PDB file of N, CA and C in Angstrom:
ATOM      1  N   MET A   1      71.368-149.194 138.983  1.00  0.00           N
ATOM      2  CA  MET A   1      70.951-148.407 137.663  1.00  0.00           C
ATOM      3  C   MET A   1      69.388-148.516 137.515  1.00  0.00           C
ATOM      4  N   PHE A   2      68.889-149.753 137.546  1.00  0.00           N
ATOM      5  CA  PHE A   2      67.426-149.854 137.445  1.00  0.00           C
ATOM      6  C   PHE A   2      66.638-148.973 138.172  1.00  0.00           C
ATOM      7  N   GLU A   3      67.197-148.807 139.384  1.00  0.00           N
ATOM      8  CA  GLU A   3      66.392-147.882 140.532  1.00  0.00           C
ATOM      9  C   GLU A   3      66.404-146.368 139.902  1.00  0.00           C
ATOM     10  N   LEU A   4      67.184-146.073 139.080  1.00  0.00           N
ATOM     11  CA  LEU A   4      67.196-144.623 138.535  1.00  0.00           C
ATOM     12  C   LEU A   4      66.219-144.544 137.247  1.00  0.00           C
ATOM     13  N   VAL A   5      65.941-145.604 136.843  1.00  0.00           N
ATOM     14  CA  VAL A   5      64.974-145.655 135.493  1.00  0.00           C
ATOM     15  C   VAL A   5      63.773-144.808 136.038  1.00  0.00           C
ATOM     16  N   GLY A   6      63.338-145.445 137.163  1.00  0.00           N
ATOM     17  CA  GLY A   6      61.717-144.569 137.539  1.00  0.00           C
ATOM     18  C   GLY A   6      61.792-143.047 137.926  1.00  0.00           C
ATOM     19  N   LEU A   7      62.963-142.659 137.848  1.00  0.00           N
ATOM     20  CA  LEU A   7      63.102-141.055 137.752  1.00  0.00           C
ATOM     21  C   LEU A   7      62.801-140.542 136.180  1.00  0.00           C
ATOM     22  N   PHE A   8      62.933-141.194 135.472  1.00  0.00           N
ATOM     23  CA  PHE A   8      62.835-140.744 133.913  1.00  0.00           C
ATOM     24  C   PHE A   8      61.661-141.427 133.322  1.00  0.00           C
ATOM     25  N   GLN A   9      61.035-142.449 133.788  1.00  0.00           N
ATOM     26  CA  GLN A   9      59.931-143.122 133.137  1.00  0.00           C
ATOM     27  C   GLN A   9      58.708-143.134 134.174  1.00  0.00           C
ATOM     28  N   GLU A  10      57.704-142.550 133.635  1.00  0.00           N
ATOM     29  CA  GLU A  10      56.533-142.662 134.625  1.00  0.00           C
ATOM     30  C   GLU A  10      55.959-144.060 134.457  1.00  0.00           C
ATOM     31  N   ASP A  11      55.551-144.470 135.473  1.00  0.00           N
ATOM     32  CA  ASP A  11      54.740-145.916 135.585  1.00  0.00           C
ATOM     33  C   ASP A  11      55.581-146.990 135.249  1.00  0.00           C
ATOM     34  N   PHE A  12      56.770-146.837 135.901  1.00  0.00           N
ATOM     35  CA  PHE A  12      57.848-147.897 135.523  1.00  0.00           C
ATOM     36  C   PHE A  12      57.616-149.147 136.349  1.00  0.00           C
ATOM     37  N   GLY A  13      57.432-150.250 136.137  1.00  0.00           N
ATOM     38  CA  GLY A  13      57.218-151.426 136.813  1.00  0.00           C
ATOM     39  C   GLY A  13      57.709-152.661 136.077  1.00  0.00           C
ATOM     40  N   PRO A  14      57.301-153.792 136.507  1.00  0.00           N
ATOM     41  CA  PRO A  14      57.730-155.287 135.827  1.00  0.00           C
ATOM     42  C   PRO A  14      57.581-155.232 134.443  1.00  0.00           C
ATOM     43  N   ASP A  15      56.352-154.777 133.994  1.00  0.00           N
ATOM     44  CA  ASP A  15      56.249-154.910 132.437  1.00  0.00           C
ATOM     45  C   ASP A  15      57.233-154.144 131.769  1.00  0.00           C
ATOM     46  N   LEU A  16      57.581-152.948 132.213  1.00  0.00           N
ATOM     47  CA  LEU A  16      58.729-152.270 131.543  1.00  0.00           C
ATOM     48  C   LEU A  16      60.021-152.671 131.632  1.00  0.00           C
ATOM     49  N   LEU A  17      60.179-153.220 132.585  1.00  0.00           N
ATOM     50  CA  LEU A  17      61.488-154.064 133.071  1.00  0.00           C
ATOM     51  C   LEU A  17      61.727-155.233 132.224  1.00  0.00           C
ATOM     52  N   SER A  18      60.614-155.983 131.916  1.00  0.00           N
ATOM     53  CA  SER A  18      60.552-157.371 131.186  1.00  0.00           C
ATOM     54  C   SER A  18      60.946-156.866 129.782  1.00  0.00           C
ATOM     55  N   ASP A  19      60.067-155.779 129.208  1.00  0.00           N
ATOM     56  CA  ASP A  19      60.256-155.074 127.823  1.00  0.00           C
ATOM     57  C   ASP A  19      61.650-154.824 127.627  1.00  0.00           C
ATOM     58  N   LEU A  20      62.299-154.211 128.783  1.00  0.00           N
ATOM     59  CA  LEU A  20      63.606-153.721 128.419  1.00  0.00           C
ATOM     60  C   LEU A  20      64.629-154.952 128.225  1.00  0.00           C
ATOM     61  N   ALA A  21      64.472-155.909 129.058  1.00  0.00           N
ATOM     62  CA  ALA A  21      65.348-157.057 129.037  1.00  0.00           C
ATOM     63  C   ALA A  21      65.139-157.822 127.615  1.00  0.00           C
ATOM     64  N   VAL A  22      63.881-158.059 127.387  1.00  0.00           N
ATOM     65  CA  VAL A  22      63.541-158.746 125.895  1.00  0.00           C
ATOM     66  C   VAL A  22      64.255-157.810 124.948  1.00  0.00           C
ATOM     67  N   HIS A  23      64.239-156.593 124.938  1.00  0.00           N
ATOM     68  CA  HIS A  23      64.849-155.696 123.860  1.00  0.00           C
ATOM     69  C   HIS A  23      66.264-155.969 123.773  1.00  0.00           C
ATOM     70  N   ILE A  24      66.843-155.959 124.866  1.00  0.00           N
ATOM     71  CA  ILE A  24      68.246-156.203 125.038  1.00  0.00           C
ATOM     72  C   ILE A  24      68.716-157.655 124.573  1.00  0.00           C
ATOM     73  N   LEU A  25      67.805-158.779 124.945  1.00  0.00           N
ATOM     74  CA  LEU A  25      68.238-159.976 124.376  1.00  0.00           C
ATOM     75  C   LEU A  25      67.724-160.478 123.033  1.00  0.00           C
ATOM     76  N   LYS A  26      66.944-159.755 122.506  1.00  0.00           N
ATOM     77  CA  LYS A  26      66.283-160.020 121.360  1.00  0.00           C
ATOM     78  C   LYS A  26      67.382-160.634 120.251  1.00  0.00           C
ATOM     79  N   PRO A  27      68.491-160.018 120.111  1.00  0.00           N
ATOM     80  CA  PRO A  27      69.347-160.738 118.960  1.00  0.00           C
ATOM     81  C   PRO A  27      69.634-162.087 119.509  1.00  0.00           C
ATOM     82  N   CYS A  28      70.005-162.209 120.928  1.00  0.00           N
ATOM     83  CA  CYS A  28      70.153-163.773 121.458  1.00  0.00           C
ATOM     84  C   CYS A  28      69.037-164.622 120.873  1.00  0.00           C
ATOM     85  N   PHE A  29      67.687-164.100 121.247  1.00  0.00           N
ATOM     86  CA  PHE A  29      66.666-165.044 120.892  1.00  0.00           C
ATOM     87  C   PHE A  29      66.706-165.326 119.349  1.00  0.00           C
ATOM     88  N   LEU A  30      66.788-164.256 118.457  1.00  0.00           N
ATOM     89  CA  LEU A  30      66.768-164.540 117.258  1.00  0.00           C
ATOM     90  C   LEU A  30      67.969-165.480 116.713  1.00  0.00           C
ATOM     91  N   ALA A  31      68.856-165.439 117.158  1.00  0.00           N
ATOM     92  CA  ALA A  31      70.038-166.375 116.736  1.00  0.00           C
ATOM     93  C   ALA A  31      69.755-167.907 117.224  1.00  0.00           C
ATOM     94  N   PHE A  32      69.053-167.874 118.441  1.00  0.00           N
ATOM     95  CA  PHE A  32      68.828-169.188 119.036  1.00  0.00           C
ATOM     96  C   PHE A  32      67.776-169.815 118.156  1.00  0.00           C
ATOM     97  N   THR A  33      66.560-168.987 117.689  1.00  0.00           N
ATOM     98  CA  THR A  33      65.567-169.473 116.783  1.00  0.00           C
ATOM     99  C   THR A  33      66.140-170.065 115.453  1.00  0.00           C
ATOM    100  N   GLN A  34      66.926-169.158 114.727  1.00  0.00           N
ATOM    101  CA  GLN A  34      67.624-169.358 113.439  1.00  0.00           C
ATOM    102  C   GLN A  34      68.542-170.738 113.551  1.00  0.00           C
ATOM    103  N   ARG A  35      69.227-170.969 114.729  1.00  0.00           N
ATOM    104  CA  ARG A  35      69.947-172.065 114.976  1.00  0.00           C
ATOM    105  C   ARG A  35      69.125-173.480 115.065  1.00  0.00           C
ATOM    106  N   VAL A  36      68.123-173.216 115.919  1.00  0.00           N
ATOM    107  CA  VAL A  36      66.963-174.240 116.045  1.00  0.00           C
ATOM    108  C   VAL A  36      66.250-174.776 114.767  1.00  0.00           C
ATOM    109  N   THR A  37      66.025-173.761 114.196  1.00  0.00           N
ATOM    110  CA  THR A  37      65.091-173.774 112.939  1.00  0.00           C
ATOM    111  C   THR A  37      66.031-174.554 111.905  1.00  0.00           C
ATOM    112  N   SER A  38      67.268-174.220 111.705  1.00  0.00           N
ATOM    113  CA  SER A  38      68.289-174.964 110.754  1.00  0.00           C
ATOM    114  C   SER A  38      68.473-176.517 111.347  1.00  0.00           C
ATOM    115  N   ALA A  39      68.693-176.587 112.623  1.00  0.00           N
ATOM    116  CA  ALA A  39      69.164-177.735 113.268  1.00  0.00           C
ATOM    117  C   ALA A  39      67.873-178.894 113.014  1.00  0.00           C
ATOM    118  N   LEU A  40      66.734-178.392 113.131  1.00  0.00           N
ATOM    119  CA  LEU A  40      65.490-179.241 112.901  1.00  0.00           C
ATOM    120  C   LEU A  40      65.011-179.351 111.652  1.00  0.00           C
ATOM    121  N   HIS A  41      65.632-178.508 110.592  1.00  0.00           N
ATOM    122  CA  HIS A  41      65.379-178.546 109.370  1.00  0.00           C
ATOM    123  C   HIS A  41      63.928-178.266 109.056  1.00  0.00           C
ATOM    124  N   LEU A  42      63.288-177.108 109.718  1.00  0.00           N
ATOM    125  CA  LEU A  42      62.048-176.707 109.606  1.00  0.00           C
ATOM    126  C   LEU A  42      61.728-176.207 108.152  1.00  0.00           C
ATOM    127  N   LYS A  43      60.710-176.605 107.732  1.00  0.00           N
ATOM    128  CA  LYS A  43      60.337-176.182 106.145  1.00  0.00           C
ATOM    129  C   LYS A  43      59.537-174.759 105.995  1.00  0.00           C
ATOM    130  N   ARG A  44      58.716-174.633 106.802  1.00  0.00           N
ATOM    131  CA  ARG A  44      58.026-173.242 106.679  1.00  0.00           C
ATOM    132  C   ARG A  44      58.766-172.037 107.466  1.00  0.00           C
ATOM    133  N   THR A  45      59.585-171.652 106.612  1.00  0.00           N
ATOM    134  CA  THR A  45      60.470-170.430 106.995  1.00  0.00           C
ATOM    135  C   THR A  45      60.327-169.225 106.231  1.00  0.00           C
ATOM    136  N   GLY A  46      60.791-168.162 106.679  1.00  0.00           N
ATOM    137  CA  GLY A  46      60.828-166.949 105.990  1.00  0.00           C
ATOM    138  C   GLY A  46      62.063-166.153 106.306  1.00  0.00           C
ATOM    139  N   SER A  47      62.539-165.206 105.531  1.00  0.00           N
ATOM    140  CA  SER A  47      63.465-164.322 105.709  1.00  0.00           C
ATOM    141  C   SER A  47      62.813-163.050 106.260  1.00  0.00           C
ATOM    142  N   PHE A  48      63.417-162.657 107.408  1.00  0.00           N
ATOM    143  CA  PHE A  48      62.845-161.282 108.112  1.00  0.00           C
ATOM    144  C   PHE A  48      64.071-160.544 108.357  1.00  0.00           C
ATOM    145  N   ARG A  49      63.765-159.054 108.281  1.00  0.00           N
ATOM    146  CA  ARG A  49      64.706-157.956 108.629  1.00  0.00           C
ATOM    147  C   ARG A  49      64.427-157.640 109.888  1.00  0.00           C
ATOM    148  N   LEU A  50      65.150-157.995 110.959  1.00  0.00           N
ATOM    149  CA  LEU A  50      65.152-157.841 112.342  1.00  0.00           C
ATOM    150  C   LEU A  50      66.267-157.179 113.108  1.00  0.00           C
ATOM    151  N   VAL A  51      66.350-156.330 113.793  1.00  0.00           N
ATOM    152  CA  VAL A  51      67.461-155.786 114.310  1.00  0.00           C
ATOM    153  C   VAL A  51      68.701-155.470 113.434  1.00  0.00           C
ATOM    154  N   GLY A  52      68.199-154.895 112.321  1.00  0.00           N
ATOM    155  CA  GLY A  52      69.384-154.536 111.308  1.00  0.00           C
ATOM    156  C   GLY A  52      69.910-155.771 110.526  1.00  0.00           C
ATOM    157  N   ARG A  53      69.218-157.081 110.509  1.00  0.00           N
ATOM    158  CA  ARG A  53      69.937-158.175 110.082  1.00  0.00           C
ATOM    159  C   ARG A  53      68.949-159.075 109.695  1.00  0.00           C
ATOM    160  N   ASP A  54      69.144-159.837 108.506  1.00  0.00           N
ATOM    161  CA  ASP A  54      68.306-160.767 107.813  1.00  0.00           C
ATOM    162  C   ASP A  54      68.320-161.987 108.775  1.00  0.00           C
ATOM    163  N   TRP A  55      67.283-162.705 109.196  1.00  0.00           N
ATOM    164  CA  TRP A  55      67.125-163.852 110.034  1.00  0.00           C
ATOM    165  C   TRP A  55      66.150-164.912 109.118  1.00  0.00           C
ATOM    166  N   LEU A  56      66.554-166.092 109.059  1.00  0.00           N
ATOM    167  CA  LEU A  56      65.620-167.306 108.491  1.00  0.00           C
ATOM    168  C   LEU A  56      65.004-167.803 109.758  1.00  0.00           C
ATOM    169  N   LEU A  57      63.765-167.626 109.881  1.00  0.00           N
ATOM    170  CA  LEU A  57      62.783-167.835 110.923  1.00  0.00           C
ATOM    171  C   LEU A  57      61.809-168.651 110.681  1.00  0.00           C
ATOM    172  N   PRO A  58      61.170-169.599 111.430  1.00  0.00           N
ATOM    173  CA  PRO A  58      59.944-170.177 111.200  1.00  0.00           C
ATOM    174  C   PRO A  58      58.745-169.247 111.362  1.00  0.00           C
ATOM    175  N   LEU A  59      57.963-169.509 110.527  1.00  0.00           N
ATOM    176  CA  LEU A  59      56.574-168.885 110.271  1.00  0.00           C
ATOM    177  C   LEU A  59      55.291-169.261 111.285  1.00  0.00           C
ATOM    178  N   ALA A  60      54.809-168.291 111.604  1.00  0.00           N
ATOM    179  CA  ALA A  60      53.552-168.485 112.580  1.00  0.00           C
ATOM    180  C   ALA A  60      52.494-169.151 111.689  1.00  0.00           C
ATOM    181  N   PRO A  61      51.425-169.632 112.312  1.00  0.00           N
ATOM    182  CA  PRO A  61      50.296-170.247 111.413  1.00  0.00           C
ATOM    183  C   PRO A  61      49.661-169.351 110.244  1.00  0.00           C
ATOM    184  N   ASP A  62      49.615-168.176 110.408  1.00  0.00           N
ATOM    185  CA  ASP A  62      49.238-167.213 109.284  1.00  0.00           C
ATOM    186  C   ASP A  62      50.257-166.868 108.277  1.00  0.00           C
ATOM    187  N   GLU A  63      51.179-167.623 108.326  1.00  0.00           N
ATOM    188  CA  GLU A  63      52.459-167.487 107.349  1.00  0.00           C
ATOM    189  C   GLU A  63      52.856-165.863 106.977  1.00  0.00           C
ATOM    190  N   LYS A  64      52.514-165.249 107.829  1.00  0.00           N
ATOM    191  CA  LYS A  64      52.959-163.789 107.619  1.00  0.00           C
ATOM    192  C   LYS A  64      53.929-163.146 108.562  1.00  0.00           C
ATOM    193  N   ARG A  65      53.944-163.885 109.873  1.00  0.00           N
ATOM    194  CA  ARG A  65      54.573-163.314 110.887  1.00  0.00           C
ATOM    195  C   ARG A  65      55.774-164.335 111.324  1.00  0.00           C
ATOM    196  N   PRO A  66      57.074-163.987 111.606  1.00  0.00           N
ATOM    197  CA  PRO A  66      57.851-164.942 112.094  1.00  0.00           C
ATOM    198  C   PRO A  66      57.686-165.369 113.659  1.00  0.00           C
ATOM    199  N   LEU A  67      57.915-166.728 113.842  1.00  0.00           N
ATOM    200  CA  LEU A  67      58.071-167.094 115.199  1.00  0.00           C
ATOM    201  C   LEU A  67      59.365-167.090 115.907  1.00  0.00           C
ATOM    202  N   ILE A  68      59.573-166.494 117.124  1.00  0.00           N
ATOM    203  CA  ILE A  68      60.735-166.267 117.808  1.00  0.00           C
ATOM    204  C   ILE A  68      60.739-167.211 119.086  1.00  0.00           C
ATOM    205  N   PHE A  69      61.766-168.196 119.249  1.00  0.00           N
ATOM    206  CA  PHE A  69      61.738-169.203 120.249  1.00  0.00           C
ATOM    207  C   PHE A  69      62.602-168.650 121.439  1.00  0.00           C
ATOM    208  N   VAL A  70      62.238-168.779 122.510  1.00  0.00           N
ATOM    209  CA  VAL A  70      62.786-168.569 123.758  1.00  0.00           C
ATOM    210  C   VAL A  70      63.264-169.979 124.382  1.00  0.00           C
ATOM    211  N   PRO A  71      64.416-169.775 124.665  1.00  0.00           N
ATOM    212  CA  PRO A  71      65.105-171.103 125.402  1.00  0.00           C
ATOM    213  C   PRO A  71      64.462-171.218 126.739  1.00  0.00           C
ATOM    214  N   LEU A  72      64.417-172.482 127.205  1.00  0.00           N
ATOM    215  CA  LEU A  72      63.885-172.860 128.452  1.00  0.00           C
ATOM    216  C   LEU A  72      64.939-173.294 129.343  1.00  0.00           C
ATOM    217  N   LEU A  73      65.396-172.672 130.316  1.00  0.00           N
ATOM    218  CA  LEU A  73      66.454-172.839 131.289  1.00  0.00           C
ATOM    219  C   LEU A  73      65.977-173.956 132.287  1.00  0.00           C
ATOM    220  N   CYS A  74      66.481-174.801 132.640  1.00  0.00           N
ATOM    221  CA  CYS A  74      66.048-175.801 133.770  1.00  0.00           C
ATOM    222  C   CYS A  74      67.145-175.710 134.935  1.00  0.00           C
TER     223      CYS A  74
END
C-alpha cells in the first residue's frame, strides 16, 4: 500500500512516512500521556482539545503548550 503513496504525493520519503505514522498513532500517544500524567500525579497540567477530545496533559515549560509522551520500547 505504501508503495502507491508515491504516485499521489510528490517528494514522498521517510519524513512523510513518519508523519503519517505519528498522525495515525496520535490518539494512542495522547492516551499514554494522560495515563502517565495521572499515575505520576503531575501538577502542571492543562486541558487541551486534540483529535476531537479533551485531554489532561502536562504543560511545556512555557505553560502554553502540551507535552506528549512517546513510550520507549526496549
